[in-house]
Amino acid sequence: MPLFMDLHKAADYSVKPTVEEIKHNHIADLAVQQKYHVKFLQYWINEEAGLVFCMMEAPDKESCVAVHREAHGAMPCNIIELQGGDYQAFMGDDMTVNTYDIVERADGTMDTGYRIILITDIISVSEASAIHETIEQLAGQSGGRFIQRPGNRLMMAFSTGQAAMGCATDILRHIPEKFGTGHELRIGIGAGEPVTEQHELFADTIKLANRLCDIAQNGQIVIAPLVIELTKKTALQQVGLLKILNNEDERFLHQLIDNIHTMLQDPGFSIDVLSKKLGTSRSQLYRKITGLTGYSANSFIRELRLQKALQLIRSNYGNITQVAMEVGFTNPSYFAKNFQDRFGISPLKVLKSWSENSRI
């Protein structure tokens, strides 16, 4: 049967439920689960944040809701269907549950369900499968679990921030040693809960880690504030090229990328337009973007456009004119010049190279 995971938030209740009440509700679920052909498997409890995540086998989402409704009336605010391979990679397959099916860590404390998501962006105009394989090996050595995704961004899940930080430093040290400096490496590390209001496992955390990659410089690790809360300071002292965001930085990053992505195709997109969208002055926006990314505002927008163009070319999206138009360049020649300046090779050569590789 399909696997599902749901989310219960204490904020949805008039009184925050205690762990004992959660255990009582679980016993009530077990008493009626057979009636709806549901099998409850395990729970993750984050008592401090007031979050409970419940995993179960069921014919469909409606059956999951029906059990909760009849057993105790504590309704989930979201339910998602899990993909087996992804679920194990994200959560791990060596979990221990107690007699109440609550997942525990090795030290006997409750597993909150939070995981660390590390995304590595390999910026390369050439094929990079050997680098991918090496990074996957390094992740495994650090206790990470590789999650298959298309493109040149690699995603790994870790149970601890220390393990993720160790993997990140290993990647930045070993990849240049083994493959030289012809490839750019950028790393974003985020943390979060498995189920939110979205429809996929760790959707919000994956989005955040990708956006941290967007603003990272070559050879830099950009870390979300929650990762710092979950990571011992000793692990951070080992890293040189490290950028740590605060909560305000993270909020601004989401606003910035959301607005840029909606207008990336528009050749008339400008800083003036963006500042109005964000409700800030042009000068304030310049300072914020430079402080967050290290780029000037115009340079950052151009960088995102050219990174998107490289992704499209590598995916055989279309010819150079089509790619240029898709990322907001109306003049293919001007696009080609910007691409050449950024990557040291013409977009046409990259397109031909990747087209030939895809036929092999």
Protein backbone atom coordinates (compact mmCIF):
# COMPACT_ATOMS: atom_id res chain seq x y z
CA MET A 1 0.00 0.00 0.00
CA PRO A 2 1.09 3.62 -0.44
CA LEU A 3 2.98 5.40 2.33
CA PHE A 4 1.76 8.71 3.73
CA MET A 5 3.09 11.23 6.23
CA ASP A 6 0.99 13.86 7.94
CA LEU A 7 1.65 16.98 9.97
CA HIS A 8 -0.03 18.01 13.22
CA LYS A 9 0.74 21.48 14.61
CA ALA A 10 0.17 22.51 18.22
CA ALA A 11 -0.87 25.93 16.93
CA ASP A 12 -4.03 24.31 15.54
CA TYR A 13 -5.13 23.25 19.02
CA SER A 14 -6.59 25.41 21.80
CA VAL A 15 -4.13 23.81 24.24
CA LYS A 16 -0.72 22.47 23.17
CA PRO A 17 -0.81 18.67 23.45
CA THR A 18 1.74 16.98 25.68
CA VAL A 19 3.83 13.97 24.67
CA GLU A 20 1.62 11.82 26.90
CA GLU A 21 -1.48 13.05 25.06
CA ILE A 22 0.18 12.26 21.74
CA LYS A 23 0.89 8.73 22.98
CA HIS A 24 -2.74 8.40 24.04
CA ASN A 25 -3.93 9.55 20.60
CA HIS A 26 -1.65 7.01 18.95
CA ILE A 27 -3.18 4.20 21.00
CA ALA A 28 -6.61 5.44 19.91
CA ASP A 29 -5.45 5.43 16.26
CA LEU A 30 -4.30 1.82 16.58
CA ALA A 31 -7.68 0.79 17.98
CA VAL A 32 -9.54 1.82 14.80
CA GLN A 33 -6.87 1.60 12.09
CA GLN A 34 -7.95 -1.82 10.83
CA LYS A 35 -11.46 -0.54 10.11
CA TYR A 36 -10.03 1.81 7.47
CA HIS A 37 -7.23 -0.53 6.26
CA VAL A 38 -4.62 1.82 7.69
CA LYS A 39 -1.41 0.81 9.46
CA PHE A 40 0.35 3.42 11.61
CA LEU A 41 4.10 2.90 11.51
CA GLN A 42 5.99 5.59 13.40
CA TYR A 43 5.94 9.13 14.74
CA TRP A 44 8.42 11.97 14.98
CA ILE A 45 7.79 14.52 17.73
CA ASN A 46 9.30 17.99 17.97
CA GLU A 47 8.01 18.99 21.38
CA GLU A 48 9.67 22.42 21.40
CA ALA A 49 8.21 23.46 18.04
CA GLY A 50 4.87 21.76 18.72
CA LEU A 51 5.03 19.52 15.64
CA VAL A 52 4.15 15.85 15.18
CA PHE A 53 4.75 13.85 12.00
CA CYS A 54 2.97 10.54 11.56
CA MET A 55 3.81 7.92 8.92
CA MET A 56 1.31 5.27 7.90
CA GLU A 57 0.32 2.84 5.18
CA ALA A 58 -3.14 3.49 3.77
CA PRO A 59 -5.24 3.05 0.64
CA ASP A 60 -5.51 6.85 0.27
CA LYS A 61 -5.36 10.18 2.14
CA GLU A 62 -9.04 10.05 3.00
CA SER A 63 -8.53 6.86 4.98
CA CYS A 64 -5.75 8.50 7.01
CA VAL A 65 -8.05 11.40 7.90
CA ALA A 66 -10.93 9.07 8.77
CA VAL A 67 -8.88 7.19 11.37
CA HIS A 68 -7.80 10.39 13.12
CA ARG A 69 -11.34 11.76 13.04
CA GLU A 70 -12.88 8.69 14.66
CA ALA A 71 -10.03 7.97 17.09
CA HIS A 72 -9.56 11.38 18.70
CA GLY A 73 -10.55 14.19 16.34
CA ALA A 74 -7.01 15.63 16.13
CA MET A 75 -6.96 16.35 12.42
CA PRO A 76 -3.75 16.78 10.42
CA CYS A 77 -3.18 20.08 8.63
CA ASN A 78 -1.48 18.37 5.69
CA ILE A 79 -0.91 14.85 4.35
CA ILE A 80 1.54 13.91 1.59
CA GLU A 81 2.15 10.65 -0.20
CA LEU A 82 5.73 9.40 0.08
CA GLN A 83 7.94 7.98 -2.61
CA GLY A 84 9.71 4.97 -1.11
CA GLY A 85 13.25 5.67 -2.30
CA ASP A 86 13.15 9.36 -1.46
CA TYR A 87 11.62 8.72 1.95
CA GLN A 88 14.45 6.39 2.99
CA ALA A 89 17.10 8.75 1.65
CA PHE A 90 15.68 11.71 3.51
CA MET A 91 14.79 10.06 6.83
CA GLY A 92 17.29 7.19 6.90
CA ASP A 93 16.61 3.47 7.22
CA ASP A 94 18.25 2.77 10.59
CA MET A 95 15.68 4.39 12.88
CA THR A 96 14.74 3.03 16.30
CA VAL A 97 11.17 3.26 17.60
CA ASN A 98 9.98 2.85 21.17
CA THR A 99 6.90 0.99 22.35
CA TYR A 100 4.69 3.90 21.23
CA ASP A 101 6.22 3.86 17.72
CA ILE A 102 7.95 7.19 18.42
CA VAL A 103 11.28 7.46 16.58
CA GLU A 104 14.25 7.92 18.88
CA ARG A 105 17.88 8.85 18.40
CA ALA A 106 20.72 6.62 19.51
CA ASP A 107 20.89 8.45 22.85
CA GLY A 108 17.23 7.74 23.58
CA THR A 109 15.95 11.28 22.94
CA MET A 110 13.10 11.83 20.51
CA ASP A 111 13.98 12.29 16.84
CA THR A 112 12.34 15.59 15.85
CA GLY A 113 12.09 14.60 12.18
CA TYR A 114 14.24 17.56 11.19
CA ARG A 115 16.91 16.79 8.61
CA ILE A 116 19.79 18.75 7.11
CA ILE A 117 19.67 19.16 3.33
CA LEU A 118 22.95 19.90 1.55
CA ILE A 119 22.92 20.91 -2.10
CA THR A 120 26.10 21.20 -4.13
CA ASP A 121 26.05 23.20 -7.36
CA ILE A 122 28.72 22.26 -9.87
CA ILE A 123 29.10 25.03 -12.43
CA SER A 124 30.79 23.46 -15.40
CA VAL A 125 30.43 23.77 -19.14
CA SER A 126 31.76 20.22 -19.53
CA GLU A 127 30.38 16.87 -18.43
CA ALA A 128 30.90 16.32 -14.69
CA SER A 129 29.75 12.77 -13.92
CA ALA A 130 33.11 11.84 -12.33
CA ILE A 131 32.76 14.77 -9.94
CA HIS A 132 29.20 13.67 -9.13
CA GLU A 133 30.43 10.18 -8.25
CA THR A 134 33.18 11.50 -6.00
CA ILE A 135 30.79 13.81 -4.15
CA GLU A 136 28.35 10.94 -3.66
CA GLN A 137 31.18 8.87 -2.15
CA LEU A 138 32.20 11.72 0.15
CA ALA A 139 28.59 12.10 1.30
CA GLY A 140 28.38 8.41 2.15
CA GLN A 141 31.60 8.60 4.16
CA SER A 142 30.10 11.46 6.19
CA GLY A 143 26.84 9.63 6.90
CA GLY A 144 24.91 11.42 4.16
CA ARG A 145 22.27 9.91 1.92
CA PHE A 146 22.35 10.86 -1.75
CA ILE A 147 19.03 11.85 -3.32
CA GLN A 148 18.87 11.53 -7.09
CA ARG A 149 17.87 14.71 -8.91
CA PRO A 150 18.37 15.79 -12.53
CA GLY A 151 20.91 18.46 -13.46
CA ASN A 152 24.27 19.46 -12.03
CA ARG A 153 22.99 20.14 -8.52
CA LEU A 154 23.45 17.26 -6.13
CA MET A 155 21.29 16.83 -3.05
CA MET A 156 22.15 14.94 0.12
CA ALA A 157 20.32 14.47 3.42
CA PHE A 158 21.97 14.27 6.84
CA SER A 159 20.62 13.54 10.28
CA THR A 160 22.99 16.01 11.98
CA GLY A 161 24.42 19.39 11.15
CA GLN A 162 27.90 18.23 12.14
CA ALA A 163 27.83 15.49 9.50
CA ALA A 164 26.62 17.91 6.81
CA MET A 165 29.33 20.44 7.66
CA GLY A 166 31.97 17.73 7.58
CA CYS A 167 30.80 16.62 4.15
CA ALA A 168 30.76 20.20 2.85
CA THR A 169 34.35 20.83 3.91
CA ASP A 170 35.44 17.49 2.42
CA ILE A 171 33.85 18.41 -0.92
CA LEU A 172 35.58 21.80 -1.06
CA ARG A 173 38.91 20.23 -0.16
CA HIS A 174 38.91 17.03 -2.22
CA ILE A 175 37.23 18.05 -5.49
CA PRO A 176 39.81 20.74 -6.45
CA GLU A 177 42.63 18.37 -5.39
CA LYS A 178 41.33 15.59 -7.61
CA PHE A 179 39.84 17.48 -10.56
CA GLY A 180 41.63 20.82 -10.57
CA THR A 181 40.06 24.27 -10.39
CA GLY A 182 38.25 24.29 -13.74
CA HIS A 183 34.90 23.66 -12.04
CA GLU A 184 33.08 26.00 -9.68
CA LEU A 185 31.60 24.54 -6.51
CA ARG A 186 28.91 26.23 -4.43
CA ILE A 187 27.19 24.68 -1.43
CA GLY A 188 23.95 25.56 0.34
CA ILE A 189 22.88 23.89 3.59
CA GLY A 190 19.36 24.18 4.96
CA ALA A 191 17.38 22.42 7.66
CA GLY A 192 13.71 21.81 8.26
CA GLU A 193 10.80 19.51 8.91
CA PRO A 194 9.62 16.74 6.54
CA VAL A 195 6.04 17.98 6.06
CA THR A 196 4.89 21.59 5.82
CA GLU A 197 2.03 23.10 3.82
CA GLN A 198 3.65 21.91 0.58
CA HIS A 199 2.93 18.71 -1.33
CA GLU A 200 6.36 17.07 -1.27
CA LEU A 201 8.73 15.80 1.40
CA PHE A 202 11.07 18.56 2.67
CA ALA A 203 9.84 20.88 -0.09
CA ASP A 204 10.52 24.09 1.86
CA THR A 205 13.98 22.98 2.97
CA ILE A 206 14.97 21.95 -0.55
CA LYS A 207 13.84 25.32 -1.90
CA LEU A 208 15.89 27.09 0.75
CA ALA A 209 19.05 25.05 0.13
CA ASN A 210 18.77 25.72 -3.60
CA ARG A 211 18.47 29.44 -2.97
CA LEU A 212 21.48 29.37 -0.68
CA CYS A 213 23.37 27.85 -3.62
CA ASP A 214 22.11 30.72 -5.81
CA ILE A 215 23.88 33.29 -3.65
CA ALA A 216 27.03 31.31 -2.83
CA GLN A 217 30.34 32.29 -4.36
CA ASN A 218 32.72 29.73 -5.84
CA GLY A 219 34.16 27.62 -3.01
CA GLN A 220 31.71 28.97 -0.45
CA ILE A 221 29.23 27.32 1.91
CA VAL A 222 26.09 29.32 2.73
CA ILE A 223 24.17 28.13 5.77
CA ALA A 224 20.62 28.77 6.96
CA PRO A 225 20.09 29.96 10.55
CA LEU A 226 18.28 26.80 11.65
CA VAL A 227 21.35 24.74 10.74
CA ILE A 228 23.36 26.80 13.21
CA GLU A 229 20.85 26.04 15.95
CA LEU A 230 21.23 22.33 15.24
CA THR A 231 25.01 22.32 14.80
CA LYS A 232 27.68 22.49 17.48
CA LYS A 233 29.99 25.50 17.18
CA THR A 234 33.05 23.26 17.02
CA ALA A 235 31.92 22.01 13.61
CA LEU A 236 31.71 25.57 12.24
CA GLN A 237 35.21 26.54 13.34
CA GLN A 238 36.71 24.18 10.76
CA VAL A 239 35.33 26.14 7.82
CA GLY A 240 36.92 29.18 6.20
CA LEU A 241 34.72 30.19 3.28
CA LEU A 242 31.52 30.21 5.26
CA LYS A 243 28.52 32.54 5.10
CA ILE A 244 25.87 32.23 7.80
CA LEU A 245 22.49 33.87 7.27
CA ASN A 246 20.28 35.21 10.00
CA ASN A 247 16.47 34.97 9.98
CA GLU A 248 16.06 38.38 8.37
CA ASP A 249 18.55 37.43 5.62
CA GLU A 250 16.57 34.27 4.93
CA ARG A 251 13.27 36.13 4.65
CA PHE A 252 14.78 38.68 2.27
CA LEU A 253 16.40 35.93 0.20
CA HIS A 254 13.02 34.28 -0.42
CA GLN A 255 11.40 37.59 -1.35
CA LEU A 256 14.28 38.46 -3.66
CA ILE A 257 14.45 35.14 -5.53
CA ASP A 258 10.65 34.82 -5.78
CA ASN A 259 10.41 38.21 -7.48
CA ILE A 260 13.44 37.72 -9.72
CA HIS A 261 12.22 34.35 -10.96
CA THR A 262 8.81 35.72 -11.91
CA MET A 263 10.44 38.41 -14.06
CA LEU A 264 13.57 36.67 -15.34
CA GLN A 265 12.16 36.30 -18.88
CA ASP A 266 11.15 39.95 -19.08
CA PRO A 267 13.78 42.01 -20.97
CA GLY A 268 12.35 45.12 -19.32
CA PHE A 269 13.07 43.78 -15.85
CA SER A 270 15.21 46.30 -13.95
CA ILE A 271 16.32 47.23 -10.45
CA ASP A 272 13.71 49.97 -10.41
CA VAL A 273 10.98 47.41 -11.09
CA LEU A 274 12.38 45.06 -8.46
CA SER A 275 12.66 47.77 -5.80
CA LYS A 276 8.98 48.65 -6.31
CA LYS A 277 8.00 44.99 -6.04
CA LEU A 278 9.91 44.66 -2.77
CA GLY A 279 8.73 47.98 -1.41
CA THR A 280 12.22 49.35 -0.82
CA SER A 281 14.31 52.14 -2.26
CA ARG A 282 16.81 51.53 -5.03
CA SER A 283 19.76 52.37 -2.77
CA GLN A 284 18.51 50.09 0.03
CA LEU A 285 18.01 47.27 -2.44
CA TYR A 286 21.54 47.67 -3.77
CA ARG A 287 22.97 47.49 -0.26
CA LYS A 288 20.87 44.48 0.70
CA ILE A 289 21.69 42.48 -2.43
CA THR A 290 25.41 43.26 -2.21
CA GLY A 291 25.50 42.34 1.47
CA LEU A 292 23.65 39.09 0.90
CA THR A 293 25.27 37.89 -2.34
CA GLY A 294 28.54 39.75 -2.80
CA TYR A 295 27.29 40.90 -6.21
CA SER A 296 25.97 44.28 -7.24
CA ALA A 297 22.23 44.17 -7.90
CA ASN A 298 22.55 44.18 -11.70
CA SER A 299 25.38 41.65 -11.60
CA PHE A 300 23.33 39.28 -9.46
CA ILE A 301 20.38 39.37 -11.84
CA ARG A 302 22.73 38.78 -14.77
CA GLU A 303 24.36 35.89 -12.90
CA LEU A 304 20.99 34.20 -12.32
CA ARG A 305 20.08 34.67 -15.97
CA LEU A 306 23.34 33.16 -17.19
CA GLN A 307 23.14 30.26 -14.71
CA LYS A 308 19.62 29.55 -15.97
CA ALA A 309 20.86 29.75 -19.56
CA LEU A 310 23.59 27.20 -18.84
CA GLN A 311 21.02 24.84 -17.33
CA LEU A 312 18.77 25.20 -20.39
CA ILE A 313 21.62 24.55 -22.80
CA ARG A 314 22.69 21.45 -20.89
CA SER A 315 19.11 20.16 -21.02
CA ASN A 316 18.91 20.72 -24.82
CA TYR A 317 16.12 23.26 -24.33
CA GLY A 318 16.49 24.78 -27.80
CA ASN A 319 18.77 26.88 -29.98
CA ILE A 320 20.80 29.82 -28.67
CA THR A 321 18.18 32.41 -29.65
CA GLN A 322 15.47 30.48 -27.80
CA VAL A 323 17.67 30.17 -24.70
CA ALA A 324 18.53 33.87 -24.80
CA MET A 325 14.87 34.86 -25.03
CA GLU A 326 13.94 32.51 -22.19
CA VAL A 327 16.31 34.32 -19.80
CA GLY A 328 15.43 37.85 -20.82
CA PHE A 329 17.98 38.69 -23.55
CA THR A 330 16.43 40.12 -26.72
CA ASN A 331 19.75 40.26 -28.58
CA PRO A 332 21.38 36.82 -29.08
CA SER A 333 24.76 38.39 -29.84
CA TYR A 334 24.72 40.35 -26.58
CA PHE A 335 23.66 37.19 -24.75
CA ALA A 336 26.53 35.24 -26.34
CA LYS A 337 29.03 37.93 -25.27
CA ASN A 338 27.80 37.87 -21.67
CA PHE A 339 27.87 34.06 -21.65
CA GLN A 340 31.40 34.00 -23.05
CA ASP A 341 32.59 36.53 -20.48
CA ARG A 342 31.06 34.51 -17.63
CA PHE A 343 31.99 30.96 -18.58
CA GLY A 344 34.96 31.44 -20.92
CA ILE A 345 33.30 29.63 -23.82
CA SER A 346 30.62 30.49 -26.34
CA PRO A 347 27.09 29.16 -25.70
CA LEU A 348 27.09 27.59 -29.17
CA LYS A 349 30.14 25.46 -28.34
CA VAL A 350 28.52 24.30 -25.11
CA LEU A 351 25.30 23.46 -26.97
CA LYS A 352 27.16 21.42 -29.59
CA SER A 353 29.20 19.60 -26.96
CA TRP A 354 26.17 18.65 -24.85
CA SER A 355 24.14 17.67 -27.92
CA GLU A 356 26.92 15.31 -28.99
CA ASN A 357 27.21 13.82 -25.48
CA SER A 358 23.47 13.20 -25.30
CA ARG A 359 23.66 11.10 -28.49
CA ILE A 360 26.41 8.87 -27.14
